[in-house]
Amino acid sequence: MKIVSFLENHTEKMGLFHNGFILNCEKAAKAMQLELPVTVGAFLLESEKNEVGLRKLNEAFIAGNLQEFSFAESNATILAPVPHPTSCRDGYAFRQHVSTARRNRKLDMIPEFDQYPIFYFTNHNAILGPGTVPCMKDHFSKLDFELEASIVVGRKGRNIKAEDADDYIFGYMIMNDLSARTLQMEEMLLNLGPAKGKDFATTIGPWLVTKDELEHYKCPPPAGHTGNQYNLSMKARVNGIEVSSGNMNQMDWTFAEILERCAYGADILPGDVIGSGTVGTGCFLELNGSGLLADPEYKVQWLKEGDIVELEIDQLGILRNEIVKEGDFSILERKKMK
């Protein structure tokens, strides 16, 4: 199933996507005399129970029924599939990205990367879906995209082993961990963060894709690792020009292993969103560093007002965002100088 959130009369609703059309689940469920929550967030609270009814709707929709309760995607206001995550973490799963970024800064690869997966908490109240991303003046100082996959947790759990963790994953989405690099690098000099460089926007979507849709693309994890892995191509385009490509099967740490660490001594909850971290070549920070290393005259690139960013992952859709300007207030200009 491909699950979406959309607005109807300024109210958040849950829908199903198929062949360019969205099914209004609330109206279709009433017609089929099924009890289903109205929003994705409420659905996920009891996803195992609610999934049975949603699959009945999906089967009828794909069979060509329920068309009177559907509408073209182009006519919809699409939100993030999970507009209000209970939390949002981001991992660091792609070795290529880490090693290249460190090489570009003339640093050796950090050996701890291969010992355990890590993550940080980002702002779960700054989640956006397809559409515009408002940015302040300081965000435009080295504004970057980050091409990532993400998971949505469907069951509460605690102290989960990696070999069991895939059972807690409800589905997958594209994630763009937008980054204001000047703010990020400044605050991380104090060995705390990332925070202000990351907390203004993270986009996810356009759909939440359930695991069964990806079964055909499953592949073995890296040697010595545990958990599901998927052969799904990943691409990023800025203003129609491809700038990045990779594959989810290049994750060196699986989502199951990241979940094991997340759930150690802590609850994971239905509606938690967890990103993979950036795929190799998946951001301008890495691309600019590699370009300058090869050619000191390389012209660096950062996102600017009006740019259209498209992240695409096979089977997960295309996440499109437009960068817009929100205001001129600067916190960088308010630093205390000694």
C-alpha atoms as a PDB file:
ATOM      1  CA  MET A   1       0.000   0.000   0.000  1.00  0.00           C
ATOM      2  CA  LYS A   2       0.984   3.595  -0.618  1.00  0.00           C
ATOM      3  CA  ILE A   3      -0.460   5.752   2.146  1.00  0.00           C
ATOM      4  CA  VAL A   4      -0.742   9.540   1.957  1.00  0.00           C
ATOM      5  CA  SER A   5      -1.967  12.420   4.090  1.00  0.00           C
ATOM      6  CA  PHE A   6      -3.895  15.235   2.434  1.00  0.00           C
ATOM      7  CA  LEU A   7      -6.025  18.233   3.293  1.00  0.00           C
ATOM      8  CA  GLU A   8      -9.789  18.302   2.779  1.00  0.00           C
ATOM      9  CA  ASN A   9     -11.478  21.572   3.801  1.00  0.00           C
ATOM     10  CA  HIS A  10      -8.338  22.433   5.806  1.00  0.00           C
ATOM     11  CA  THR A  11      -8.600  19.144   7.713  1.00  0.00           C
ATOM     12  CA  GLU A  12      -5.964  16.406   7.662  1.00  0.00           C
ATOM     13  CA  LYS A  13      -7.129  13.083   6.190  1.00  0.00           C
ATOM     14  CA  MET A  14      -5.644   9.680   5.309  1.00  0.00           C
ATOM     15  CA  GLY A  15      -5.632   8.428   1.735  1.00  0.00           C
ATOM     16  CA  LEU A  16      -4.361   5.613  -0.470  1.00  0.00           C
ATOM     17  CA  PHE A  17      -2.424   6.322  -3.656  1.00  0.00           C
ATOM     18  CA  HIS A  18      -2.693   4.304  -6.877  1.00  0.00           C
ATOM     19  CA  ASN A  19      -1.910   5.247 -10.484  1.00  0.00           C
ATOM     20  CA  GLY A  20      -2.066   8.993  -9.941  1.00  0.00           C
ATOM     21  CA  PHE A  21      -5.249   8.974  -7.847  1.00  0.00           C
ATOM     22  CA  ILE A  22      -5.891   9.290  -4.117  1.00  0.00           C
ATOM     23  CA  LEU A  23      -8.667   7.469  -2.305  1.00  0.00           C
ATOM     24  CA  ASN A  24     -10.354   9.302   0.562  1.00  0.00           C
ATOM     25  CA  CYS A  25     -10.177   6.536   3.171  1.00  0.00           C
ATOM     26  CA  GLU A  26     -12.727   8.105   5.506  1.00  0.00           C
ATOM     27  CA  LYS A  27     -15.465   8.215   2.868  1.00  0.00           C
ATOM     28  CA  ALA A  28     -14.548   4.864   1.311  1.00  0.00           C
ATOM     29  CA  ALA A  29     -14.456   3.121   4.697  1.00  0.00           C
ATOM     30  CA  LYS A  30     -17.957   4.361   5.508  1.00  0.00           C
ATOM     31  CA  ALA A  31     -19.207   3.056   2.160  1.00  0.00           C
ATOM     32  CA  MET A  32     -17.677  -0.367   2.895  1.00  0.00           C
ATOM     33  CA  GLN A  33     -18.843  -0.280   6.539  1.00  0.00           C
ATOM     34  CA  LEU A  34     -15.286  -0.460   7.845  1.00  0.00           C
ATOM     35  CA  GLU A  35     -14.025   1.265  10.981  1.00  0.00           C
ATOM     36  CA  LEU A  36     -10.803   3.148  10.287  1.00  0.00           C
ATOM     37  CA  PRO A  37      -9.140   6.197  11.871  1.00  0.00           C
ATOM     38  CA  VAL A  38      -9.299   9.391   9.842  1.00  0.00           C
ATOM     39  CA  THR A  39      -5.598  10.313  10.051  1.00  0.00           C
ATOM     40  CA  VAL A  40      -2.365   8.404   9.512  1.00  0.00           C
ATOM     41  CA  GLY A  41      -1.175   9.252  13.019  1.00  0.00           C
ATOM     42  CA  ALA A  42      -4.260   7.692  14.592  1.00  0.00           C
ATOM     43  CA  PHE A  43      -3.981   4.715  12.226  1.00  0.00           C
ATOM     44  CA  LEU A  44      -0.410   3.988  13.324  1.00  0.00           C
ATOM     45  CA  LEU A  45      -1.332   3.885  17.012  1.00  0.00           C
ATOM     46  CA  GLU A  46      -2.981   0.524  16.332  1.00  0.00           C
ATOM     47  CA  SER A  47      -1.529  -0.304  12.946  1.00  0.00           C
ATOM     48  CA  GLU A  48      -1.767  -4.089  13.303  1.00  0.00           C
ATOM     49  CA  LYS A  49      -5.524  -3.920  13.962  1.00  0.00           C
ATOM     50  CA  ASN A  50      -6.231  -1.136  11.465  1.00  0.00           C
ATOM     51  CA  GLU A  51      -4.170  -2.623   8.644  1.00  0.00           C
ATOM     52  CA  VAL A  52      -6.761  -5.318   7.938  1.00  0.00           C
ATOM     53  CA  GLY A  53      -9.444  -2.778   7.033  1.00  0.00           C
ATOM     54  CA  LEU A  54      -7.056  -0.572   5.093  1.00  0.00           C
ATOM     55  CA  ARG A  55      -5.954  -3.519   2.961  1.00  0.00           C
ATOM     56  CA  LYS A  56      -9.579  -4.231   2.098  1.00  0.00           C
ATOM     57  CA  LEU A  57      -9.942  -0.641   0.911  1.00  0.00           C
ATOM     58  CA  ASN A  58      -6.709  -0.858  -1.057  1.00  0.00           C
ATOM     59  CA  GLU A  59      -7.714  -4.082  -2.799  1.00  0.00           C
ATOM     60  CA  ALA A  60     -11.075  -2.601  -3.808  1.00  0.00           C
ATOM     61  CA  PHE A  61      -9.415   0.622  -4.987  1.00  0.00           C
ATOM     62  CA  ILE A  62      -6.845  -1.187  -7.138  1.00  0.00           C
ATOM     63  CA  ALA A  63      -9.631  -3.389  -8.571  1.00  0.00           C
ATOM     64  CA  GLY A  64     -11.281  -0.246  -9.928  1.00  0.00           C
ATOM     65  CA  ASN A  65     -13.956   0.178  -7.292  1.00  0.00           C
ATOM     66  CA  LEU A  66     -14.567   3.162  -4.984  1.00  0.00           C
ATOM     67  CA  GLN A  67     -13.739   5.612  -7.782  1.00  0.00           C
ATOM     68  CA  GLU A  68     -16.423   8.014  -6.554  1.00  0.00           C
ATOM     69  CA  PHE A  69     -14.303   8.521  -3.411  1.00  0.00           C
ATOM     70  CA  SER A  70     -11.065   9.217  -5.274  1.00  0.00           C
ATOM     71  CA  PHE A  71      -9.526  12.261  -6.954  1.00  0.00           C
ATOM     72  CA  ALA A  72      -6.451  13.088  -9.023  1.00  0.00           C
ATOM     73  CA  GLU A  73      -3.239  13.587  -7.085  1.00  0.00           C
ATOM     74  CA  SER A  74      -2.689  16.803  -9.046  1.00  0.00           C
ATOM     75  CA  ASN A  75      -5.818  18.270  -7.448  1.00  0.00           C
ATOM     76  CA  ALA A  76      -4.766  17.479  -3.892  1.00  0.00           C
ATOM     77  CA  THR A  77      -2.877  19.327  -1.177  1.00  0.00           C
ATOM     78  CA  ILE A  78      -0.461  16.604  -0.102  1.00  0.00           C
ATOM     79  CA  LEU A  79       1.085  16.667   3.369  1.00  0.00           C
ATOM     80  CA  ALA A  80       3.913  14.627   4.792  1.00  0.00           C
ATOM     81  CA  PRO A  81       2.643  11.013   4.999  1.00  0.00           C
ATOM     82  CA  VAL A  82       3.183  11.197   8.781  1.00  0.00           C
ATOM     83  CA  PRO A  83       2.563  14.905   9.437  1.00  0.00           C
ATOM     84  CA  HIS A  84       3.124  14.690  13.205  1.00  0.00           C
ATOM     85  CA  PRO A  85       5.752  12.054  14.049  1.00  0.00           C
ATOM     86  CA  THR A  86       6.048  11.089  17.690  1.00  0.00           C
ATOM     87  CA  SER A  87       9.791  11.667  17.226  1.00  0.00           C
ATOM     88  CA  CYS A  88      12.264  12.011  14.375  1.00  0.00           C
ATOM     89  CA  ARG A  89      15.762  10.534  14.414  1.00  0.00           C
ATOM     90  CA  ASP A  90      18.363  10.470  11.664  1.00  0.00           C
ATOM     91  CA  GLY A  91      21.018   7.791  11.260  1.00  0.00           C
ATOM     92  CA  TYR A  92      24.474   7.633   9.683  1.00  0.00           C
ATOM     93  CA  ALA A  93      24.308   4.397   7.734  1.00  0.00           C
ATOM     94  CA  PHE A  94      26.234   4.981   4.483  1.00  0.00           C
ATOM     95  CA  ARG A  95      29.970   4.509   4.847  1.00  0.00           C
ATOM     96  CA  GLN A  96      30.686   6.074   1.454  1.00  0.00           C
ATOM     97  CA  HIS A  97      29.206   9.393   2.535  1.00  0.00           C
ATOM     98  CA  VAL A  98      31.068   9.409   5.843  1.00  0.00           C
ATOM     99  CA  SER A  99      34.444   8.383   4.433  1.00  0.00           C
ATOM    100  CA  THR A 100      34.252  10.800   1.478  1.00  0.00           C
ATOM    101  CA  ALA A 101      33.209  13.744   3.626  1.00  0.00           C
ATOM    102  CA  ARG A 102      36.079  13.033   6.037  1.00  0.00           C
ATOM    103  CA  ARG A 103      38.584  12.576   3.208  1.00  0.00           C
ATOM    104  CA  ASN A 104      37.524  15.921   1.769  1.00  0.00           C
ATOM    105  CA  ARG A 105      38.343  17.514   5.143  1.00  0.00           C
ATOM    106  CA  LYS A 106      41.709  15.669   5.167  1.00  0.00           C
ATOM    107  CA  LEU A 107      40.595  13.402   7.993  1.00  0.00           C
ATOM    108  CA  ASP A 108      41.067   9.633   8.265  1.00  0.00           C
ATOM    109  CA  MET A 109      37.989   7.435   8.299  1.00  0.00           C
ATOM    110  CA  ILE A 110      36.787   7.131  11.876  1.00  0.00           C
ATOM    111  CA  PRO A 111      37.010   3.439  12.927  1.00  0.00           C
ATOM    112  CA  GLU A 112      34.045   3.699  15.287  1.00  0.00           C
ATOM    113  CA  PHE A 113      31.718   3.957  12.274  1.00  0.00           C
ATOM    114  CA  ASP A 114      32.158   0.214  11.708  1.00  0.00           C
ATOM    115  CA  GLN A 115      31.538  -0.668  15.369  1.00  0.00           C
ATOM    116  CA  TYR A 116      28.030   0.680  16.015  1.00  0.00           C
ATOM    117  CA  PRO A 117      25.299   2.688  14.250  1.00  0.00           C
ATOM    118  CA  ILE A 118      24.563   6.184  15.515  1.00  0.00           C
ATOM    119  CA  PHE A 119      21.709   8.666  15.189  1.00  0.00           C
ATOM    120  CA  TYR A 120      20.635  12.090  16.393  1.00  0.00           C
ATOM    121  CA  PHE A 121      17.223  13.540  17.204  1.00  0.00           C
ATOM    122  CA  THR A 122      15.965  16.234  14.872  1.00  0.00           C
ATOM    123  CA  ASN A 123      12.917  18.493  15.169  1.00  0.00           C
ATOM    124  CA  HIS A 124       9.774  16.383  14.778  1.00  0.00           C
ATOM    125  CA  ASN A 125       7.733  19.610  14.762  1.00  0.00           C
ATOM    126  CA  ALA A 126       9.475  20.790  11.578  1.00  0.00           C
ATOM    127  CA  ILE A 127       8.293  17.945   9.332  1.00  0.00           C
ATOM    128  CA  LEU A 128       7.071  18.959   5.888  1.00  0.00           C
ATOM    129  CA  GLY A 129       5.841  17.019   2.869  1.00  0.00           C
ATOM    130  CA  PRO A 130       5.978  17.872  -0.833  1.00  0.00           C
ATOM    131  CA  GLY A 131       5.737  21.570  -1.639  1.00  0.00           C
ATOM    132  CA  THR A 132       7.448  24.696  -0.384  1.00  0.00           C
ATOM    133  CA  VAL A 133      10.178  24.864   2.264  1.00  0.00           C
ATOM    134  CA  PRO A 134      10.421  28.299   3.943  1.00  0.00           C
ATOM    135  CA  CYS A 135      13.976  29.315   4.840  1.00  0.00           C
ATOM    136  CA  MET A 136      15.357  32.225   6.826  1.00  0.00           C
ATOM    137  CA  LYS A 137      18.343  34.366   5.851  1.00  0.00           C
ATOM    138  CA  ASP A 138      20.921  32.261   7.717  1.00  0.00           C
ATOM    139  CA  HIS A 139      19.587  29.017   6.239  1.00  0.00           C
ATOM    140  CA  PHE A 140      20.658  30.255   2.805  1.00  0.00           C
ATOM    141  CA  SER A 141      24.278  30.355   3.984  1.00  0.00           C
ATOM    142  CA  LYS A 142      25.342  27.026   2.432  1.00  0.00           C
ATOM    143  CA  LEU A 143      21.851  25.520   2.255  1.00  0.00           C
ATOM    144  CA  ASP A 144      21.979  21.821   1.395  1.00  0.00           C
ATOM    145  CA  PHE A 145      19.760  18.867   0.578  1.00  0.00           C
ATOM    146  CA  GLU A 146      20.422  15.338   1.867  1.00  0.00           C
ATOM    147  CA  LEU A 147      19.169  12.299  -0.054  1.00  0.00           C
ATOM    148  CA  GLU A 148      17.931   9.672   2.417  1.00  0.00           C
ATOM    149  CA  ALA A 149      15.467   6.848   2.963  1.00  0.00           C
ATOM    150  CA  SER A 150      13.455   6.594   6.170  1.00  0.00           C
ATOM    151  CA  ILE A 151      11.248   4.214   8.106  1.00  0.00           C
ATOM    152  CA  VAL A 152       8.077   4.640  10.148  1.00  0.00           C
ATOM    153  CA  VAL A 153       7.680   2.591  13.305  1.00  0.00           C
ATOM    154  CA  GLY A 154       4.371   0.724  13.566  1.00  0.00           C
ATOM    155  CA  ARG A 155       4.651  -0.976  16.970  1.00  0.00           C
ATOM    156  CA  LYS A 156       5.767   0.067  20.431  1.00  0.00           C
ATOM    157  CA  GLY A 157       8.948  -1.663  21.499  1.00  0.00           C
ATOM    158  CA  ARG A 158      11.860  -1.526  23.917  1.00  0.00           C
ATOM    159  CA  ASN A 159      15.206  -3.333  24.119  1.00  0.00           C
ATOM    160  CA  ILE A 160      14.688  -4.923  20.695  1.00  0.00           C
ATOM    161  CA  LYS A 161      17.374  -7.070  19.090  1.00  0.00           C
ATOM    162  CA  ALA A 162      18.298  -6.347  15.474  1.00  0.00           C
ATOM    163  CA  GLU A 163      17.141  -9.805  14.378  1.00  0.00           C
ATOM    164  CA  ASP A 164      13.590  -8.899  15.502  1.00  0.00           C
ATOM    165  CA  ALA A 165      13.564  -5.194  14.654  1.00  0.00           C
ATOM    166  CA  ASP A 166      12.181  -5.389  11.093  1.00  0.00           C
ATOM    167  CA  ASP A 167       8.878  -6.554  12.581  1.00  0.00           C
ATOM    168  CA  TYR A 168       8.523  -3.097  14.140  1.00  0.00           C
ATOM    169  CA  ILE A 169       8.884  -1.256  10.827  1.00  0.00           C
ATOM    170  CA  PHE A 170       5.545  -0.346   9.245  1.00  0.00           C
ATOM    171  CA  GLY A 171       6.851   1.209   6.050  1.00  0.00           C
ATOM    172  CA  TYR A 172       9.352   3.331   4.148  1.00  0.00           C
ATOM    173  CA  MET A 173       9.549   6.884   2.792  1.00  0.00           C
ATOM    174  CA  ILE A 174      11.970   9.302   1.146  1.00  0.00           C
ATOM    175  CA  MET A 175      13.581  11.843   3.477  1.00  0.00           C
ATOM    176  CA  ASN A 176      15.330  15.142   2.746  1.00  0.00           C
ATOM    177  CA  ASP A 177      17.328  16.190   5.808  1.00  0.00           C
ATOM    178  CA  LEU A 178      17.733  19.818   4.786  1.00  0.00           C
ATOM    179  CA  SER A 179      20.841  21.384   6.298  1.00  0.00           C
ATOM    180  CA  ALA A 180      22.051  24.945   6.848  1.00  0.00           C
ATOM    181  CA  ARG A 181      25.757  24.150   6.788  1.00  0.00           C
ATOM    182  CA  THR A 182      27.113  27.440   8.169  1.00  0.00           C
ATOM    183  CA  LEU A 183      24.898  27.157  11.251  1.00  0.00           C
ATOM    184  CA  GLN A 184      25.615  23.447  11.554  1.00  0.00           C
ATOM    185  CA  MET A 185      29.402  23.716  11.364  1.00  0.00           C
ATOM    186  CA  GLU A 186      29.513  26.709  13.691  1.00  0.00           C
ATOM    187  CA  GLU A 187      27.594  25.027  16.495  1.00  0.00           C
ATOM    188  CA  MET A 188      29.395  21.695  16.117  1.00  0.00           C
ATOM    189  CA  LEU A 189      32.677  23.419  16.994  1.00  0.00           C
ATOM    190  CA  LEU A 190      31.312  23.189  20.534  1.00  0.00           C
ATOM    191  CA  ASN A 191      30.836  19.408  20.169  1.00  0.00           C
ATOM    192  CA  LEU A 192      27.083  19.678  20.534  1.00  0.00           C
ATOM    193  CA  GLY A 193      24.649  19.279  17.680  1.00  0.00           C
ATOM    194  CA  PRO A 194      23.594  19.283  14.965  1.00  0.00           C
ATOM    195  CA  ALA A 195      20.728  21.492  16.077  1.00  0.00           C
ATOM    196  CA  LYS A 196      20.057  24.937  14.542  1.00  0.00           C
ATOM    197  CA  GLY A 197      21.612  23.785  11.292  1.00  0.00           C
ATOM    198  CA  LYS A 198      18.958  21.072  11.032  1.00  0.00           C
ATOM    199  CA  ASP A 199      15.843  22.019  12.977  1.00  0.00           C
ATOM    200  CA  PHE A 200      14.096  24.267  10.439  1.00  0.00           C
ATOM    201  CA  ALA A 201      12.825  21.620   7.975  1.00  0.00           C
ATOM    202  CA  THR A 202      12.921  17.915   7.225  1.00  0.00           C
ATOM    203  CA  THR A 203      10.760  16.784   4.319  1.00  0.00           C
ATOM    204  CA  ILE A 204       9.340  13.278   3.929  1.00  0.00           C
ATOM    205  CA  GLY A 205       7.064  11.651   1.383  1.00  0.00           C
ATOM    206  CA  PRO A 206       5.292  11.643  -0.925  1.00  0.00           C
ATOM    207  CA  TRP A 207       3.963   8.274   0.254  1.00  0.00           C
ATOM    208  CA  LEU A 208       4.402   5.861   3.148  1.00  0.00           C
ATOM    209  CA  VAL A 209       5.034   2.534   1.390  1.00  0.00           C
ATOM    210  CA  THR A 210       4.321  -0.671   3.294  1.00  0.00           C
ATOM    211  CA  LYS A 211       6.940  -3.427   3.485  1.00  0.00           C
ATOM    212  CA  ASP A 212       5.068  -5.910   1.319  1.00  0.00           C
ATOM    213  CA  GLU A 213       5.377  -3.527  -1.665  1.00  0.00           C
ATOM    214  CA  LEU A 214       9.178  -3.879  -1.458  1.00  0.00           C
ATOM    215  CA  GLU A 215       9.438  -7.651  -0.970  1.00  0.00           C
ATOM    216  CA  HIS A 216      10.574  -8.202  -4.562  1.00  0.00           C
ATOM    217  CA  TYR A 217      13.492  -5.788  -4.032  1.00  0.00           C
ATOM    218  CA  LYS A 218      14.859  -7.383  -0.864  1.00  0.00           C
ATOM    219  CA  CYS A 219      18.547  -8.296  -0.921  1.00  0.00           C
ATOM    220  CA  PRO A 220      21.073  -9.622   1.627  1.00  0.00           C
ATOM    221  CA  PRO A 221      22.556  -7.171   4.162  1.00  0.00           C
ATOM    222  CA  PRO A 222      26.326  -6.568   4.195  1.00  0.00           C
ATOM    223  CA  ALA A 223      28.449  -9.386   5.579  1.00  0.00           C
ATOM    224  CA  GLY A 224      28.279  -9.475   9.364  1.00  0.00           C
ATOM    225  CA  HIS A 225      25.113  -7.380   9.518  1.00  0.00           C
ATOM    226  CA  THR A 226      21.481  -8.178  10.329  1.00  0.00           C
ATOM    227  CA  GLY A 227      18.192  -6.984   8.861  1.00  0.00           C
ATOM    228  CA  ASN A 228      16.307  -6.346   5.658  1.00  0.00           C
ATOM    229  CA  GLN A 229      18.072  -4.554   2.836  1.00  0.00           C
ATOM    230  CA  TYR A 230      16.546  -3.339  -0.443  1.00  0.00           C
ATOM    231  CA  ASN A 231      17.881  -2.824  -3.960  1.00  0.00           C
ATOM    232  CA  LEU A 232      16.251   0.552  -4.671  1.00  0.00           C
ATOM    233  CA  SER A 233      17.954   3.242  -6.742  1.00  0.00           C
ATOM    234  CA  MET A 234      18.219   6.731  -5.227  1.00  0.00           C
ATOM    235  CA  LYS A 235      18.578   9.987  -7.186  1.00  0.00           C
ATOM    236  CA  ALA A 236      18.575  13.716  -6.502  1.00  0.00           C
ATOM    237  CA  ARG A 237      17.860  16.497  -8.997  1.00  0.00           C
ATOM    238  CA  VAL A 238      18.103  20.250  -8.537  1.00  0.00           C
ATOM    239  CA  ASN A 239      16.199  22.297 -11.117  1.00  0.00           C
ATOM    240  CA  GLY A 240      15.923  19.195 -13.287  1.00  0.00           C
ATOM    241  CA  ILE A 241      19.655  18.405 -13.284  1.00  0.00           C
ATOM    242  CA  GLU A 242      20.735  15.128 -11.674  1.00  0.00           C
ATOM    243  CA  VAL A 243      23.355  15.800  -9.026  1.00  0.00           C
ATOM    244  CA  SER A 244      23.377  12.555  -7.025  1.00  0.00           C
ATOM    245  CA  SER A 245      22.747   8.841  -7.423  1.00  0.00           C
ATOM    246  CA  GLY A 246      23.080   5.806  -5.181  1.00  0.00           C
ATOM    247  CA  ASN A 247      21.162   2.809  -3.877  1.00  0.00           C
ATOM    248  CA  MET A 248      19.543   1.788  -0.599  1.00  0.00           C
ATOM    249  CA  ASN A 249      21.502  -1.472  -0.791  1.00  0.00           C
ATOM    250  CA  GLN A 250      24.629   0.602  -0.053  1.00  0.00           C
ATOM    251  CA  MET A 251      23.545   1.093   3.562  1.00  0.00           C
ATOM    252  CA  ASP A 252      26.328  -0.361   5.698  1.00  0.00           C
ATOM    253  CA  TRP A 253      24.089  -0.383   8.779  1.00  0.00           C
ATOM    254  CA  THR A 254      20.572  -1.729   8.299  1.00  0.00           C
ATOM    255  CA  PHE A 255      17.466  -0.064   9.658  1.00  0.00           C
ATOM    256  CA  ALA A 256      17.065  -3.084  11.945  1.00  0.00           C
ATOM    257  CA  GLU A 257      20.457  -2.395  13.500  1.00  0.00           C
ATOM    258  CA  ILE A 258      19.687   1.306  13.857  1.00  0.00           C
ATOM    259  CA  LEU A 259      16.382   0.393  15.542  1.00  0.00           C
ATOM    260  CA  GLU A 260      18.189  -1.907  17.972  1.00  0.00           C
ATOM    261  CA  ARG A 261      20.278   1.033  19.137  1.00  0.00           C
ATOM    262  CA  CYS A 262      17.299   3.413  19.228  1.00  0.00           C
ATOM    263  CA  ALA A 263      15.303   1.007  21.403  1.00  0.00           C
ATOM    264  CA  TYR A 264      18.083   0.186  23.860  1.00  0.00           C
ATOM    265  CA  GLY A 265      16.746   1.317  27.249  1.00  0.00           C
ATOM    266  CA  ALA A 266      14.146   3.499  25.510  1.00  0.00           C
ATOM    267  CA  ASP A 267      10.729   3.100  23.938  1.00  0.00           C
ATOM    268  CA  ILE A 268      10.198   3.312  20.210  1.00  0.00           C
ATOM    269  CA  LEU A 269       6.636   4.314  19.431  1.00  0.00           C
ATOM    270  CA  PRO A 270       4.164   4.051  16.562  1.00  0.00           C
ATOM    271  CA  GLY A 271       4.720   7.100  14.389  1.00  0.00           C
ATOM    272  CA  ASP A 272       8.441   7.468  15.091  1.00  0.00           C
ATOM    273  CA  VAL A 273      10.347   8.403  11.915  1.00  0.00           C
ATOM    274  CA  ILE A 274      13.985   7.328  11.493  1.00  0.00           C
ATOM    275  CA  GLY A 275      16.203   8.368   8.595  1.00  0.00           C
ATOM    276  CA  SER A 276      19.033   6.389   7.050  1.00  0.00           C
ATOM    277  CA  GLY A 277      21.542   9.203   6.831  1.00  0.00           C
ATOM    278  CA  THR A 278      22.869  10.498   3.535  1.00  0.00           C
ATOM    279  CA  VAL A 279      23.669   8.153   0.667  1.00  0.00           C
ATOM    280  CA  GLY A 280      27.097   8.544  -0.939  1.00  0.00           C
ATOM    281  CA  THR A 281      27.153  11.670  -3.187  1.00  0.00           C
ATOM    282  CA  GLY A 282      23.814  12.643  -1.620  1.00  0.00           C
ATOM    283  CA  CYS A 283      24.502  16.271  -0.642  1.00  0.00           C
ATOM    284  CA  PHE A 284      26.323  19.348  -1.883  1.00  0.00           C
ATOM    285  CA  LEU A 285      28.650  19.296   1.122  1.00  0.00           C
ATOM    286  CA  GLU A 286      30.129  16.037  -0.116  1.00  0.00           C
ATOM    287  CA  LEU A 287      29.947  16.919  -3.826  1.00  0.00           C
ATOM    288  CA  ASN A 288      31.580  20.322  -3.320  1.00  0.00           C
ATOM    289  CA  GLY A 289      34.354  18.848  -1.216  1.00  0.00           C
ATOM    290  CA  SER A 290      35.124  16.165  -3.794  1.00  0.00           C
ATOM    291  CA  GLY A 291      35.001  18.720  -6.603  1.00  0.00           C
ATOM    292  CA  LEU A 292      37.428  21.098  -4.887  1.00  0.00           C
ATOM    293  CA  LEU A 293      39.770  18.260  -4.038  1.00  0.00           C
ATOM    294  CA  ALA A 294      40.000  17.356  -7.725  1.00  0.00           C
ATOM    295  CA  ASP A 295      40.035  20.945  -9.020  1.00  0.00           C
ATOM    296  CA  PRO A 296      40.686  24.058  -6.874  1.00  0.00           C
ATOM    297  CA  GLU A 297      38.705  26.071  -9.449  1.00  0.00           C
ATOM    298  CA  TYR A 298      35.601  23.882  -9.010  1.00  0.00           C
ATOM    299  CA  LYS A 299      32.430  25.995  -8.761  1.00  0.00           C
ATOM    300  CA  VAL A 300      30.658  25.042  -5.551  1.00  0.00           C
ATOM    301  CA  GLN A 301      26.875  24.873  -5.445  1.00  0.00           C
ATOM    302  CA  TRP A 302      24.352  25.398  -2.660  1.00  0.00           C
ATOM    303  CA  LEU A 303      20.577  25.638  -2.712  1.00  0.00           C
ATOM    304  CA  LYS A 304      19.084  29.070  -3.291  1.00  0.00           C
ATOM    305  CA  GLU A 305      15.679  30.706  -3.306  1.00  0.00           C
ATOM    306  CA  GLY A 306      13.442  29.295  -6.028  1.00  0.00           C
ATOM    307  CA  ASP A 307      15.350  26.029  -6.467  1.00  0.00           C
ATOM    308  CA  ILE A 308      13.317  22.880  -7.061  1.00  0.00           C
ATOM    309  CA  VAL A 309      14.737  19.818  -5.306  1.00  0.00           C
ATOM    310  CA  GLU A 310      13.535  16.373  -6.375  1.00  0.00           C
ATOM    311  CA  LEU A 311      14.554  13.260  -4.459  1.00  0.00           C
ATOM    312  CA  GLU A 312      13.587   9.965  -6.065  1.00  0.00           C
ATOM    313  CA  ILE A 313      13.811   6.434  -4.697  1.00  0.00           C
ATOM    314  CA  ASP A 314      12.590   3.502  -6.759  1.00  0.00           C
ATOM    315  CA  GLN A 315       9.138   2.359  -5.536  1.00  0.00           C
ATOM    316  CA  LEU A 316       9.001   5.189  -2.951  1.00  0.00           C
ATOM    317  CA  GLY A 317       8.128   7.972  -5.407  1.00  0.00           C
ATOM    318  CA  ILE A 318       9.491  11.462  -6.019  1.00  0.00           C
ATOM    319  CA  LEU A 319       9.641  14.045  -3.233  1.00  0.00           C
ATOM    320  CA  ARG A 320       9.541  17.569  -4.742  1.00  0.00           C
ATOM    321  CA  ASN A 321      10.232  20.726  -2.767  1.00  0.00           C
ATOM    322  CA  GLU A 322      10.645  24.378  -3.693  1.00  0.00           C
ATOM    323  CA  ILE A 323      12.948  26.549  -1.605  1.00  0.00           C
ATOM    324  CA  VAL A 324      11.301  29.856  -0.644  1.00  0.00           C
ATOM    325  CA  LYS A 325      12.461  32.850   1.374  1.00  0.00           C
ATOM    326  CA  GLU A 326      10.717  33.520   4.688  1.00  0.00           C
ATOM    327  CA  GLY A 327      12.507  36.509   6.241  1.00  0.00           C
ATOM    328  CA  ASP A 328      15.699  38.536   6.694  1.00  0.00           C
ATOM    329  CA  PHE A 329      16.332  38.184  10.444  1.00  0.00           C
ATOM    330  CA  SER A 330      19.816  36.762  11.160  1.00  0.00           C
ATOM    331  CA  ILE A 331      21.107  35.080  14.306  1.00  0.00           C
ATOM    332  CA  LEU A 332      24.591  34.839  12.791  1.00  0.00           C
ATOM    333  CA  GLU A 333      24.760  38.639  12.827  1.00  0.00           C
ATOM    334  CA  ARG A 334      23.851  38.688  16.542  1.00  0.00           C
ATOM    335  CA  LYS A 335      26.858  36.690  17.721  1.00  0.00           C
ATOM    336  CA  LYS A 336      28.739  38.187  20.662  1.00  0.00           C
ATOM    337  CA  MET A 337      32.232  39.107  19.476  1.00  0.00           C
ATOM    338  CA  LYS A 338      35.192  39.460  21.864  1.00  0.00           C
END
